[in-house]
Amino acid sequence: MNTSEVKGTWNEQKGKLKQKFAILTDNDLMFDEGKKDEMIGKLQIKLGKTKEELHRIIGTL
């Protein structure tokens, strides 16, 4: 999978997350290369979910 395919997939998942959790913004879901853990940490705080819960949610979208 190339970089544009990964970004396309993430853009789809990002839209679904924003539908599921209306409080999320584009800034909350900004995925920078090498900063995945930072993004997950911000989502944990904002949504009150564990890292495992977030991975499960994202994996089922």
Protein backbone atom coordinates (compact mmCIF):
# COMPACT_ATOMS: atom_id res chain seq x y z
CA MET A 1 0.00 0.00 0.00
CA ASN A 2 1.51 3.32 -0.98
CA THR A 3 1.33 6.60 0.91
CA SER A 4 -1.62 8.00 -1.04
CA GLU A 5 -3.62 4.80 -0.42
CA VAL A 6 -2.92 5.02 3.32
CA LYS A 7 -3.96 8.70 3.37
CA GLY A 8 -7.13 7.85 1.44
CA THR A 9 -8.01 5.10 3.90
CA TRP A 10 -7.31 7.37 6.86
CA ASN A 11 -9.47 10.12 5.35
CA GLU A 12 -12.37 7.65 5.14
CA GLN A 13 -11.83 6.49 8.73
CA LYS A 14 -11.49 10.08 9.89
CA GLY A 15 -14.90 10.93 8.42
CA LYS A 16 -16.48 7.94 10.14
CA LEU A 17 -14.89 8.86 13.47
CA LYS A 18 -16.23 12.41 13.19
CA GLN A 19 -19.72 11.01 12.51
CA LYS A 20 -19.49 8.66 15.50
CA PHE A 21 -17.97 11.25 17.85
CA ALA A 22 -19.31 14.70 16.97
CA ILE A 23 -16.89 16.44 19.34
CA LEU A 24 -13.88 15.50 17.19
CA THR A 25 -12.37 18.07 14.85
CA ASP A 26 -9.97 17.80 11.91
CA ASN A 27 -7.17 18.96 14.23
CA ASP A 28 -7.91 16.08 16.63
CA LEU A 29 -7.56 13.61 13.79
CA MET A 30 -4.53 15.10 12.08
CA PHE A 31 -2.21 12.19 11.36
CA ASP A 32 1.42 13.24 10.95
CA GLU A 33 4.05 10.70 10.04
CA GLY A 34 5.67 9.41 13.23
CA LYS A 35 3.12 11.06 15.55
CA LYS A 36 0.47 8.36 15.74
CA ASP A 37 0.96 7.87 19.50
CA GLU A 38 0.56 11.60 20.08
CA MET A 39 -2.71 11.63 18.14
CA ILE A 40 -3.99 8.55 20.00
CA GLY A 41 -3.11 10.21 23.32
CA LYS A 42 -5.12 13.32 22.42
CA LEU A 43 -8.08 11.15 21.40
CA GLN A 44 -7.84 9.21 24.68
CA ILE A 45 -8.15 12.45 26.64
CA LYS A 46 -10.93 13.93 24.53
CA LEU A 47 -13.05 10.75 24.31
CA GLY A 48 -12.22 9.18 27.67
CA LYS A 49 -11.26 5.89 25.99
CA THR A 50 -8.26 3.61 26.50
CA LYS A 51 -5.68 3.06 23.79
CA GLU A 52 -7.06 -0.45 23.25
CA GLU A 53 -10.62 0.84 22.94
CA LEU A 54 -9.53 3.40 20.34
CA HIS A 55 -7.64 0.80 18.31
CA ARG A 56 -10.72 -1.43 18.41
CA ILE A 57 -13.01 1.45 17.34
CA ILE A 58 -10.72 2.49 14.50
CA GLY A 59 -10.30 -1.13 13.41
CA THR A 60 -14.05 -1.66 13.07
CA LEU A 61 -14.74 1.40 10.90
